[in-house]
């Protein structure tokens, strides 16, 4: 089994984007990209969380759960080249933990390839929550993320091709990439 090496850098920078859709940039994107090893690639993690205490779990149990803050956050993560899947998401309900299994759903699987900026989509956890249900979605925001990167981190797109790795193909991203 391939072991996953994940590097998360402390919060170094927060850039305001649009007031109606503020995005927190979790880490210094340039420094993360500059420290890639030969077997690593970049994964752009996009989360929007409307509840406290959410944690995302990869199927690889050697990786600590990701616990994003409330709000929208883009995080650049170094992963070993390979195939991955989000196994579950945990969203507490009052003082009760609740874990939703995602492992058997193909849309939560993704591939991380070298020399690309790999993107799965925005992982959304909504405010709506009951004892037996969670509002969890995977939303393709590739066009929006591309515009945000062009505005805030164009050097990243000059070095790496943004690649959508979601379950359904993204013809729009391919069209824009070919037009340039």
N, C-alpha and C. Protein backbone atom coordinates (compact mmCIF):
# COMPACT_ATOMS: atom_id res chain seq x y z
N UNK A 1 0.85 -1.18 0.00
CA UNK A 1 0.00 0.00 0.00
C UNK A 1 0.89 1.24 0.00
N UNK A 2 0.56 2.13 -0.87
CA UNK A 2 1.35 3.37 -0.96
C UNK A 2 1.03 4.25 0.25
N UNK A 3 2.04 4.69 0.90
CA UNK A 3 1.84 5.58 2.04
C UNK A 3 1.74 7.01 1.54
N UNK A 4 0.97 7.76 2.22
CA UNK A 4 0.72 9.14 1.82
C UNK A 4 1.55 10.07 2.68
N UNK A 5 2.25 10.97 2.03
CA UNK A 5 3.00 12.00 2.75
C UNK A 5 2.26 13.31 2.52
N UNK A 6 1.81 13.89 3.57
CA UNK A 6 1.05 15.13 3.44
C UNK A 6 1.76 16.21 4.24
N UNK A 7 1.95 17.32 3.62
CA UNK A 7 2.62 18.43 4.28
C UNK A 7 1.67 19.61 4.33
N UNK A 8 1.39 20.05 5.50
CA UNK A 8 0.56 21.23 5.66
C UNK A 8 1.40 22.29 6.35
N UNK A 9 1.42 23.45 5.79
CA UNK A 9 2.22 24.55 6.29
C UNK A 9 1.34 25.44 7.15
N UNK A 10 1.89 26.00 8.19
CA UNK A 10 1.14 26.89 9.07
C UNK A 10 0.56 28.07 8.29
N UNK A 11 -0.46 28.66 8.83
CA UNK A 11 -1.10 29.79 8.16
C UNK A 11 -0.09 30.92 8.04
N UNK A 12 0.21 31.27 6.79
CA UNK A 12 1.19 32.30 6.55
C UNK A 12 0.59 33.54 5.91
N UNK A 13 -0.54 33.37 5.24
CA UNK A 13 -1.05 34.47 4.47
C UNK A 13 -2.56 34.34 4.30
N UNK A 14 -3.27 35.43 4.42
CA UNK A 14 -4.70 35.47 4.15
C UNK A 14 -4.92 36.62 3.19
N UNK A 15 -5.44 36.29 2.01
CA UNK A 15 -5.67 37.30 1.00
C UNK A 15 -7.15 37.54 0.83
N UNK A 16 -7.62 38.79 0.94
CA UNK A 16 -9.03 39.03 0.68
C UNK A 16 -9.30 38.91 -0.82
N UNK A 17 -10.43 38.33 -1.18
CA UNK A 17 -10.81 38.23 -2.58
C UNK A 17 -12.03 39.11 -2.76
N UNK A 18 -13.19 38.55 -2.96
CA UNK A 18 -14.40 39.37 -3.09
C UNK A 18 -15.14 39.35 -1.76
N UNK A 19 -15.73 40.46 -1.39
CA UNK A 19 -16.42 40.56 -0.10
C UNK A 19 -17.54 39.54 0.02
N UNK A 20 -18.23 39.24 -1.11
CA UNK A 20 -19.34 38.29 -1.05
C UNK A 20 -18.87 36.84 -1.00
N UNK A 21 -17.62 36.58 -1.31
CA UNK A 21 -17.09 35.23 -1.29
C UNK A 21 -15.63 35.25 -0.82
N UNK A 22 -15.40 35.58 0.44
CA UNK A 22 -14.01 35.65 0.89
C UNK A 22 -13.37 34.26 0.90
N UNK A 23 -12.14 34.20 0.47
CA UNK A 23 -11.40 32.94 0.44
C UNK A 23 -10.18 33.10 1.32
N UNK A 24 -9.98 32.15 2.19
CA UNK A 24 -8.78 32.12 3.02
C UNK A 24 -7.76 31.24 2.30
N UNK A 25 -6.59 31.80 2.05
CA UNK A 25 -5.50 31.02 1.44
C UNK A 25 -4.69 30.46 2.60
N UNK A 26 -4.77 29.16 2.83
CA UNK A 26 -4.21 28.56 4.02
C UNK A 26 -2.71 28.70 4.13
N UNK A 27 -1.99 28.59 3.01
CA UNK A 27 -0.54 28.60 3.13
C UNK A 27 0.09 29.40 2.00
N UNK A 28 1.38 29.61 2.11
CA UNK A 28 2.14 30.33 1.10
C UNK A 28 2.34 29.39 -0.08
N UNK A 29 1.54 29.58 -1.12
CA UNK A 29 1.51 28.64 -2.24
C UNK A 29 2.88 28.48 -2.90
N UNK A 30 3.60 29.55 -3.08
CA UNK A 30 4.89 29.48 -3.77
C UNK A 30 5.88 28.61 -2.99
N UNK A 31 5.93 28.77 -1.68
CA UNK A 31 6.90 27.99 -0.90
C UNK A 31 6.55 26.51 -0.90
N UNK A 32 5.26 26.16 -0.92
CA UNK A 32 4.87 24.75 -0.97
C UNK A 32 5.27 24.16 -2.32
N UNK A 33 5.00 24.88 -3.40
CA UNK A 33 5.34 24.40 -4.74
C UNK A 33 6.84 24.23 -4.91
N UNK A 34 7.62 25.08 -4.26
CA UNK A 34 9.08 25.03 -4.40
C UNK A 34 9.73 23.88 -3.65
N UNK A 35 9.00 23.22 -2.78
CA UNK A 35 9.59 22.16 -1.96
C UNK A 35 9.15 20.76 -2.38
N UNK A 36 8.64 20.61 -3.60
CA UNK A 36 8.20 19.29 -4.07
C UNK A 36 9.37 18.34 -4.25
N UNK A 37 9.17 17.09 -3.83
CA UNK A 37 10.14 16.03 -4.08
C UNK A 37 9.75 15.33 -5.38
N UNK A 38 10.61 14.46 -5.88
CA UNK A 38 10.37 13.83 -7.18
C UNK A 38 9.12 12.96 -7.22
N UNK A 39 8.70 12.41 -6.08
CA UNK A 39 7.52 11.56 -6.04
C UNK A 39 6.27 12.29 -5.53
N UNK A 40 6.32 13.61 -5.45
CA UNK A 40 5.20 14.40 -4.94
C UNK A 40 4.59 15.28 -6.02
N UNK A 41 3.34 15.65 -5.78
CA UNK A 41 2.63 16.55 -6.67
C UNK A 41 1.73 17.43 -5.82
N UNK A 42 1.14 18.44 -6.47
CA UNK A 42 0.30 19.40 -5.76
C UNK A 42 -1.17 19.04 -5.88
N UNK A 43 -1.88 19.14 -4.76
CA UNK A 43 -3.32 18.95 -4.71
C UNK A 43 -3.91 20.22 -4.11
N UNK A 44 -4.85 20.82 -4.82
CA UNK A 44 -5.51 22.04 -4.33
C UNK A 44 -6.79 21.62 -3.62
N UNK A 45 -6.78 21.77 -2.31
CA UNK A 45 -7.92 21.40 -1.48
C UNK A 45 -8.80 22.63 -1.29
N UNK A 46 -10.07 22.50 -1.63
CA UNK A 46 -11.03 23.59 -1.58
C UNK A 46 -12.17 23.17 -0.66
N UNK A 47 -12.33 23.85 0.46
CA UNK A 47 -13.40 23.51 1.40
C UNK A 47 -14.27 24.73 1.70
N UNK A 48 -15.55 24.47 1.87
CA UNK A 48 -16.49 25.47 2.38
C UNK A 48 -17.28 24.78 3.48
N UNK A 49 -17.08 25.26 4.69
CA UNK A 49 -17.66 24.63 5.86
C UNK A 49 -18.55 25.62 6.59
N UNK A 50 -19.80 25.22 6.83
CA UNK A 50 -20.75 26.08 7.53
C UNK A 50 -21.05 25.59 8.94
N UNK A 51 -20.28 24.61 9.42
CA UNK A 51 -20.47 24.07 10.78
C UNK A 51 -19.11 23.95 11.47
N UNK A 52 -19.13 24.04 12.77
CA UNK A 52 -17.92 23.85 13.58
C UNK A 52 -17.63 22.35 13.73
N UNK A 53 -16.36 22.02 13.87
CA UNK A 53 -15.96 20.66 14.23
C UNK A 53 -15.93 19.64 13.11
N UNK A 54 -15.95 20.08 11.87
CA UNK A 54 -15.94 19.15 10.73
C UNK A 54 -14.54 18.56 10.56
N UNK A 55 -14.46 17.28 10.23
CA UNK A 55 -13.17 16.68 9.89
C UNK A 55 -13.35 15.72 8.71
N UNK A 56 -12.41 15.84 7.76
CA UNK A 56 -12.38 15.00 6.56
C UNK A 56 -11.32 13.94 6.74
N UNK A 57 -11.63 12.70 6.32
CA UNK A 57 -10.72 11.57 6.50
C UNK A 57 -10.44 10.90 5.16
N UNK A 58 -9.17 10.80 4.78
CA UNK A 58 -8.79 10.02 3.60
C UNK A 58 -8.86 8.54 3.94
N UNK A 59 -8.99 7.70 2.92
CA UNK A 59 -9.03 6.26 3.18
C UNK A 59 -7.69 5.75 3.71
N UNK A 60 -6.61 6.46 3.43
CA UNK A 60 -5.29 6.13 3.97
C UNK A 60 -5.26 6.57 5.43
N UNK A 61 -5.27 5.62 6.32
CA UNK A 61 -5.36 5.92 7.77
C UNK A 61 -4.08 6.47 8.36
N UNK A 62 -2.99 6.53 7.57
CA UNK A 62 -1.75 7.08 8.11
C UNK A 62 -1.76 8.60 8.11
N UNK A 63 -2.79 9.19 7.51
CA UNK A 63 -2.89 10.64 7.43
C UNK A 63 -3.86 11.15 8.48
N UNK A 64 -3.46 12.18 9.19
CA UNK A 64 -4.35 12.78 10.18
C UNK A 64 -5.55 13.40 9.50
N UNK A 65 -6.70 13.40 10.16
CA UNK A 65 -7.89 14.03 9.57
C UNK A 65 -7.66 15.52 9.33
N UNK A 66 -8.26 16.03 8.28
CA UNK A 66 -8.21 17.45 7.96
C UNK A 66 -9.38 18.12 8.66
N UNK A 67 -9.08 19.18 9.41
CA UNK A 67 -10.12 19.89 10.16
C UNK A 67 -10.14 21.35 9.73
N UNK A 68 -10.85 21.65 8.63
CA UNK A 68 -10.87 23.04 8.13
C UNK A 68 -11.68 23.95 9.03
N UNK A 69 -11.34 25.23 9.06
CA UNK A 69 -12.15 26.18 9.83
C UNK A 69 -13.45 26.47 9.08
N UNK A 70 -14.36 27.14 9.74
CA UNK A 70 -15.59 27.53 9.07
C UNK A 70 -15.24 28.54 7.97
N UNK A 71 -16.03 28.55 6.92
CA UNK A 71 -15.82 29.45 5.80
C UNK A 71 -15.15 28.74 4.64
N UNK A 72 -14.78 29.50 3.65
CA UNK A 72 -14.14 28.96 2.44
C UNK A 72 -12.63 29.03 2.61
N UNK A 73 -11.96 27.95 2.22
CA UNK A 73 -10.51 27.90 2.33
C UNK A 73 -9.92 27.12 1.17
N UNK A 74 -8.87 27.68 0.59
CA UNK A 74 -8.07 26.96 -0.41
C UNK A 74 -6.73 26.64 0.23
N UNK A 75 -6.32 25.40 0.10
CA UNK A 75 -5.10 24.92 0.74
C UNK A 75 -4.30 24.13 -0.28
N UNK A 76 -3.05 24.44 -0.42
CA UNK A 76 -2.19 23.69 -1.32
C UNK A 76 -1.49 22.60 -0.51
N UNK A 77 -1.64 21.35 -0.97
CA UNK A 77 -1.13 20.21 -0.21
C UNK A 77 -0.20 19.40 -1.10
N UNK A 78 0.90 18.96 -0.53
CA UNK A 78 1.81 18.05 -1.23
C UNK A 78 1.38 16.62 -0.93
N UNK A 79 1.14 15.84 -1.99
CA UNK A 79 0.81 14.43 -1.83
C UNK A 79 1.73 13.61 -2.72
N UNK A 80 1.92 12.36 -2.35
CA UNK A 80 2.65 11.48 -3.25
C UNK A 80 1.79 11.21 -4.47
N UNK A 81 2.42 11.09 -5.61
CA UNK A 81 1.71 10.79 -6.85
C UNK A 81 0.96 9.47 -6.65
N UNK A 82 -0.32 9.44 -7.05
CA UNK A 82 -1.10 8.22 -6.91
C UNK A 82 -2.59 8.48 -6.86
N UNK A 83 -3.32 7.43 -6.48
CA UNK A 83 -4.78 7.49 -6.40
C UNK A 83 -5.21 7.56 -4.94
N UNK A 84 -6.24 8.38 -4.69
CA UNK A 84 -6.73 8.61 -3.34
C UNK A 84 -8.25 8.65 -3.33
N UNK A 85 -8.81 8.63 -2.13
CA UNK A 85 -10.25 8.80 -1.96
C UNK A 85 -10.52 9.37 -0.57
N UNK A 86 -11.51 10.26 -0.51
CA UNK A 86 -11.99 10.69 0.79
C UNK A 86 -12.85 9.57 1.32
N UNK A 87 -12.51 9.05 2.50
CA UNK A 87 -13.22 7.90 3.06
C UNK A 87 -14.45 8.27 3.85
N UNK A 88 -14.38 9.42 4.54
CA UNK A 88 -15.52 9.83 5.36
C UNK A 88 -15.38 11.29 5.75
N UNK A 89 -16.50 11.83 6.19
CA UNK A 89 -16.52 13.18 6.76
C UNK A 89 -17.27 13.07 8.09
N UNK A 90 -16.72 13.72 9.09
CA UNK A 90 -17.33 13.69 10.42
C UNK A 90 -17.87 15.07 10.74
N UNK A 91 -19.15 15.12 11.10
CA UNK A 91 -19.81 16.39 11.42
C UNK A 91 -20.57 16.19 12.72
N UNK A 92 -20.08 16.72 13.82
CA UNK A 92 -20.75 16.53 15.12
C UNK A 92 -22.15 17.13 15.13
N UNK A 93 -23.00 16.52 15.92
CA UNK A 93 -24.36 17.01 16.11
C UNK A 93 -24.56 17.18 17.61
N UNK A 94 -24.63 18.43 18.06
CA UNK A 94 -24.58 18.75 19.49
C UNK A 94 -23.34 18.09 20.06
N UNK A 95 -23.48 17.15 20.98
CA UNK A 95 -22.28 16.49 21.52
C UNK A 95 -22.11 15.08 20.95
N UNK A 96 -22.88 14.74 19.90
CA UNK A 96 -22.81 13.43 19.28
C UNK A 96 -21.96 13.47 18.01
N UNK A 97 -20.96 12.63 17.88
CA UNK A 97 -20.22 12.60 16.62
C UNK A 97 -21.04 11.85 15.57
N UNK A 98 -20.86 12.20 14.33
CA UNK A 98 -21.53 11.49 13.25
C UNK A 98 -20.59 11.44 12.06
N UNK A 99 -20.36 10.25 11.55
CA UNK A 99 -19.45 10.06 10.43
C UNK A 99 -20.23 9.51 9.24
N UNK A 100 -20.08 10.21 8.10
CA UNK A 100 -20.72 9.79 6.86
C UNK A 100 -19.66 9.12 5.99
N UNK A 101 -19.88 7.87 5.62
CA UNK A 101 -18.93 7.14 4.79
C UNK A 101 -19.04 7.61 3.35
N UNK A 102 -17.88 7.86 2.73
CA UNK A 102 -17.80 8.29 1.33
C UNK A 102 -17.01 7.30 0.49
N UNK A 103 -16.43 6.30 1.12
CA UNK A 103 -15.45 5.42 0.48
C UNK A 103 -15.98 4.69 -0.74
N UNK A 104 -17.25 4.35 -0.76
CA UNK A 104 -17.78 3.58 -1.88
C UNK A 104 -18.37 4.45 -2.98
N UNK A 105 -18.21 5.77 -2.89
CA UNK A 105 -18.74 6.69 -3.89
C UNK A 105 -17.61 7.17 -4.79
N UNK A 106 -17.69 6.88 -6.08
CA UNK A 106 -16.61 7.20 -7.02
C UNK A 106 -16.32 8.69 -7.12
N UNK A 107 -17.29 9.53 -6.86
CA UNK A 107 -17.04 10.97 -7.02
C UNK A 107 -16.04 11.51 -6.00
N UNK A 108 -15.79 10.78 -4.91
CA UNK A 108 -14.84 11.22 -3.89
C UNK A 108 -13.44 10.66 -4.12
N UNK A 109 -13.23 9.95 -5.22
CA UNK A 109 -11.92 9.41 -5.58
C UNK A 109 -11.20 10.39 -6.50
N UNK A 110 -9.88 10.46 -6.39
CA UNK A 110 -9.12 11.37 -7.23
C UNK A 110 -7.70 10.85 -7.44
N UNK A 111 -7.08 11.36 -8.48
CA UNK A 111 -5.70 11.01 -8.82
C UNK A 111 -4.84 12.25 -8.69
N UNK A 112 -3.65 12.07 -8.17
CA UNK A 112 -2.68 13.16 -8.05
C UNK A 112 -1.54 12.84 -9.02
N UNK A 113 -1.38 13.72 -10.02
CA UNK A 113 -0.37 13.51 -11.06
C UNK A 113 0.71 14.58 -10.97
N UNK A 114 1.93 14.21 -11.36
CA UNK A 114 3.08 15.14 -11.34
C UNK A 114 2.87 16.28 -12.33
N UNK A 115 3.51 17.40 -12.03
CA UNK A 115 3.55 18.57 -12.91
C UNK A 115 2.17 19.15 -13.21
N UNK A 116 1.24 18.93 -12.31
CA UNK A 116 -0.11 19.47 -12.44
C UNK A 116 -0.56 20.03 -11.10
N UNK A 117 -1.50 20.91 -11.17
CA UNK A 117 -2.19 21.40 -9.98
C UNK A 117 -3.51 20.64 -9.95
N UNK A 118 -3.56 19.57 -9.17
CA UNK A 118 -4.68 18.64 -9.15
C UNK A 118 -5.81 19.20 -8.30
N UNK A 119 -7.04 19.18 -8.84
CA UNK A 119 -8.20 19.78 -8.16
C UNK A 119 -9.40 18.83 -8.28
N UNK A 120 -10.04 18.54 -7.17
CA UNK A 120 -11.20 17.64 -7.14
C UNK A 120 -12.52 18.40 -7.15
N UNK A 121 -12.54 19.60 -6.62
CA UNK A 121 -13.77 20.36 -6.49
C UNK A 121 -13.87 20.91 -5.07
N UNK A 122 -14.90 21.71 -4.83
CA UNK A 122 -15.10 22.28 -3.50
C UNK A 122 -15.86 21.27 -2.64
N UNK A 123 -15.26 20.93 -1.51
CA UNK A 123 -15.89 20.02 -0.56
C UNK A 123 -16.73 20.87 0.39
N UNK A 124 -18.05 20.74 0.26
CA UNK A 124 -18.99 21.60 0.98
C UNK A 124 -19.65 20.82 2.11
N UNK A 125 -19.67 21.42 3.30
CA UNK A 125 -20.45 20.91 4.42
C UNK A 125 -21.37 22.04 4.85
N UNK A 126 -22.68 21.83 4.64
CA UNK A 126 -23.66 22.86 4.93
C UNK A 126 -24.07 22.91 6.39
N UNK A 127 -24.80 23.93 6.71
CA UNK A 127 -25.27 24.13 8.08
C UNK A 127 -26.34 23.12 8.47
N UNK A 128 -27.14 22.66 7.50
CA UNK A 128 -28.22 21.73 7.77
C UNK A 128 -27.67 20.42 8.29
N UNK A 129 -28.19 20.00 9.44
CA UNK A 129 -27.70 18.78 10.09
C UNK A 129 -28.79 18.22 10.96
N UNK A 130 -29.01 16.92 10.88
CA UNK A 130 -29.97 16.23 11.74
C UNK A 130 -29.28 14.99 12.30
N UNK A 131 -29.99 14.23 13.11
CA UNK A 131 -29.36 13.05 13.71
C UNK A 131 -28.96 12.02 12.68
N UNK A 132 -29.63 11.99 11.53
CA UNK A 132 -29.32 10.95 10.54
C UNK A 132 -28.93 11.50 9.17
N UNK A 133 -28.65 12.80 9.06
CA UNK A 133 -28.27 13.33 7.75
C UNK A 133 -27.31 14.51 7.89
N UNK A 134 -26.49 14.68 6.85
CA UNK A 134 -25.53 15.78 6.77
C UNK A 134 -25.63 16.35 5.36
N UNK A 135 -25.54 17.66 5.24
CA UNK A 135 -25.52 18.31 3.93
C UNK A 135 -24.07 18.37 3.46
N UNK A 136 -23.64 17.36 2.69
CA UNK A 136 -22.28 17.25 2.19
C UNK A 136 -22.33 17.14 0.67
N UNK A 137 -21.55 17.97 -0.01
CA UNK A 137 -21.54 17.96 -1.47
C UNK A 137 -20.14 18.18 -2.00
N UNK A 138 -19.92 17.72 -3.21
CA UNK A 138 -18.69 17.99 -3.94
C UNK A 138 -19.11 18.80 -5.16
N UNK A 139 -18.63 20.05 -5.24
CA UNK A 139 -19.09 20.99 -6.26
C UNK A 139 -17.92 21.41 -7.13
N UNK A 140 -18.08 21.30 -8.44
CA UNK A 140 -17.04 21.69 -9.37
C UNK A 140 -16.97 23.22 -9.42
N UNK A 141 -15.89 23.79 -8.93
CA UNK A 141 -15.67 25.23 -8.96
C UNK A 141 -14.37 25.56 -9.70
N UNK A 142 -14.02 24.74 -10.67
CA UNK A 142 -12.75 24.89 -11.36
C UNK A 142 -12.60 26.25 -12.01
N UNK A 143 -13.63 26.73 -12.70
CA UNK A 143 -13.53 28.04 -13.36
C UNK A 143 -13.30 29.16 -12.35
N UNK A 144 -14.01 29.11 -11.23
CA UNK A 144 -13.84 30.12 -10.18
C UNK A 144 -12.44 30.04 -9.57
N UNK A 145 -11.98 28.83 -9.28
CA UNK A 145 -10.66 28.65 -8.69
C UNK A 145 -9.57 29.11 -9.65
N UNK A 146 -9.75 28.83 -10.93
CA UNK A 146 -8.78 29.28 -11.93
C UNK A 146 -8.69 30.80 -11.94
N UNK A 147 -9.84 31.49 -11.88
CA UNK A 147 -9.84 32.96 -11.85
C UNK A 147 -9.18 33.47 -10.58
N UNK A 148 -9.44 32.84 -9.45
CA UNK A 148 -8.81 33.24 -8.18
C UNK A 148 -7.30 33.07 -8.24
N UNK A 149 -6.85 31.96 -8.82
CA UNK A 149 -5.42 31.72 -8.93
C UNK A 149 -4.77 32.72 -9.89
N UNK A 150 -5.42 33.01 -11.01
CA UNK A 150 -4.87 33.99 -11.94
C UNK A 150 -4.71 35.35 -11.28
N UNK A 151 -5.65 35.71 -10.42
CA UNK A 151 -5.61 37.01 -9.74
C UNK A 151 -4.59 37.04 -8.59
N UNK A 152 -4.51 35.95 -7.84
CA UNK A 152 -3.70 35.95 -6.62
C UNK A 152 -2.38 35.18 -6.70
N UNK A 153 -2.32 34.18 -7.53
CA UNK A 153 -1.12 33.33 -7.64
C UNK A 153 -0.86 32.93 -9.09
N UNK A 154 -0.68 33.90 -9.99
CA UNK A 154 -0.48 33.54 -11.41
C UNK A 154 0.77 32.71 -11.65
N UNK A 155 1.78 32.86 -10.80
CA UNK A 155 3.02 32.10 -10.96
C UNK A 155 2.77 30.60 -10.85
N UNK A 156 1.77 30.22 -10.06
CA UNK A 156 1.43 28.81 -9.91
C UNK A 156 0.87 28.23 -11.21
N UNK A 157 0.00 28.99 -11.87
CA UNK A 157 -0.57 28.53 -13.14
C UNK A 157 0.45 28.60 -14.28
N UNK A 158 1.49 29.41 -14.13
CA UNK A 158 2.56 29.42 -15.12
C UNK A 158 3.42 28.17 -15.01
N UNK A 159 3.51 27.61 -13.81
CA UNK A 159 4.34 26.42 -13.58
C UNK A 159 3.60 25.11 -13.70
N UNK A 160 2.30 25.11 -13.32
CA UNK A 160 1.52 23.87 -13.27
C UNK A 160 0.18 24.06 -13.97
N UNK A 161 -0.22 23.04 -14.72
CA UNK A 161 -1.52 23.07 -15.38
C UNK A 161 -2.60 22.68 -14.36
N UNK A 162 -3.65 23.51 -14.24
CA UNK A 162 -4.77 23.19 -13.36
C UNK A 162 -5.55 22.06 -14.00
N UNK A 163 -5.69 20.95 -13.27
CA UNK A 163 -6.35 19.76 -13.78
C UNK A 163 -7.49 19.37 -12.85
N UNK A 164 -8.69 19.32 -13.40
CA UNK A 164 -9.86 18.89 -12.63
C UNK A 164 -9.89 17.37 -12.61
N UNK A 165 -9.91 16.78 -11.41
CA UNK A 165 -9.89 15.33 -11.25
C UNK A 165 -11.20 14.78 -10.73
N UNK A 166 -12.28 15.50 -10.95
CA UNK A 166 -13.58 15.03 -10.48
C UNK A 166 -14.11 13.87 -11.31
N UNK A 167 -15.18 13.28 -10.83
CA UNK A 167 -15.77 12.10 -11.45
C UNK A 167 -16.33 12.40 -12.84
N UNK A 168 -16.94 13.59 -13.00
CA UNK A 168 -17.50 13.98 -14.29
C UNK A 168 -16.51 14.89 -15.00
N UNK A 169 -16.37 14.77 -16.32
CA UNK A 169 -15.41 15.60 -17.05
C UNK A 169 -15.81 17.08 -17.02
N UNK A 170 -14.81 17.95 -17.10
CA UNK A 170 -15.04 19.39 -17.12
C UNK A 170 -14.63 19.91 -18.49
N UNK A 171 -15.58 19.98 -19.42
CA UNK A 171 -15.28 20.43 -20.78
C UNK A 171 -14.92 21.90 -20.83
N UNK A 172 -15.48 22.69 -19.92
CA UNK A 172 -15.19 24.12 -19.92
C UNK A 172 -13.71 24.39 -19.63
N UNK A 173 -13.16 23.72 -18.64
CA UNK A 173 -11.75 23.91 -18.31
C UNK A 173 -10.87 23.50 -19.49
N UNK A 174 -11.19 22.40 -20.14
CA UNK A 174 -10.42 21.98 -21.32
C UNK A 174 -10.50 23.03 -22.42
N UNK A 175 -11.70 23.59 -22.65
CA UNK A 175 -11.90 24.62 -23.67
C UNK A 175 -11.04 25.86 -23.37
N UNK A 176 -11.07 26.32 -22.12
CA UNK A 176 -10.30 27.51 -21.73
C UNK A 176 -8.80 27.24 -21.86
N UNK A 177 -8.36 26.06 -21.45
CA UNK A 177 -6.94 25.73 -21.54
C UNK A 177 -6.46 25.68 -22.98
N UNK A 178 -7.28 25.12 -23.87
CA UNK A 178 -6.91 25.03 -25.28
C UNK A 178 -6.93 26.40 -25.95
N UNK A 179 -7.79 27.31 -25.48
CA UNK A 179 -7.91 28.64 -26.08
C UNK A 179 -6.69 29.51 -25.78
N UNK A 180 -5.94 29.18 -24.76
CA UNK A 180 -4.80 30.02 -24.39
C UNK A 180 -3.59 29.66 -25.16
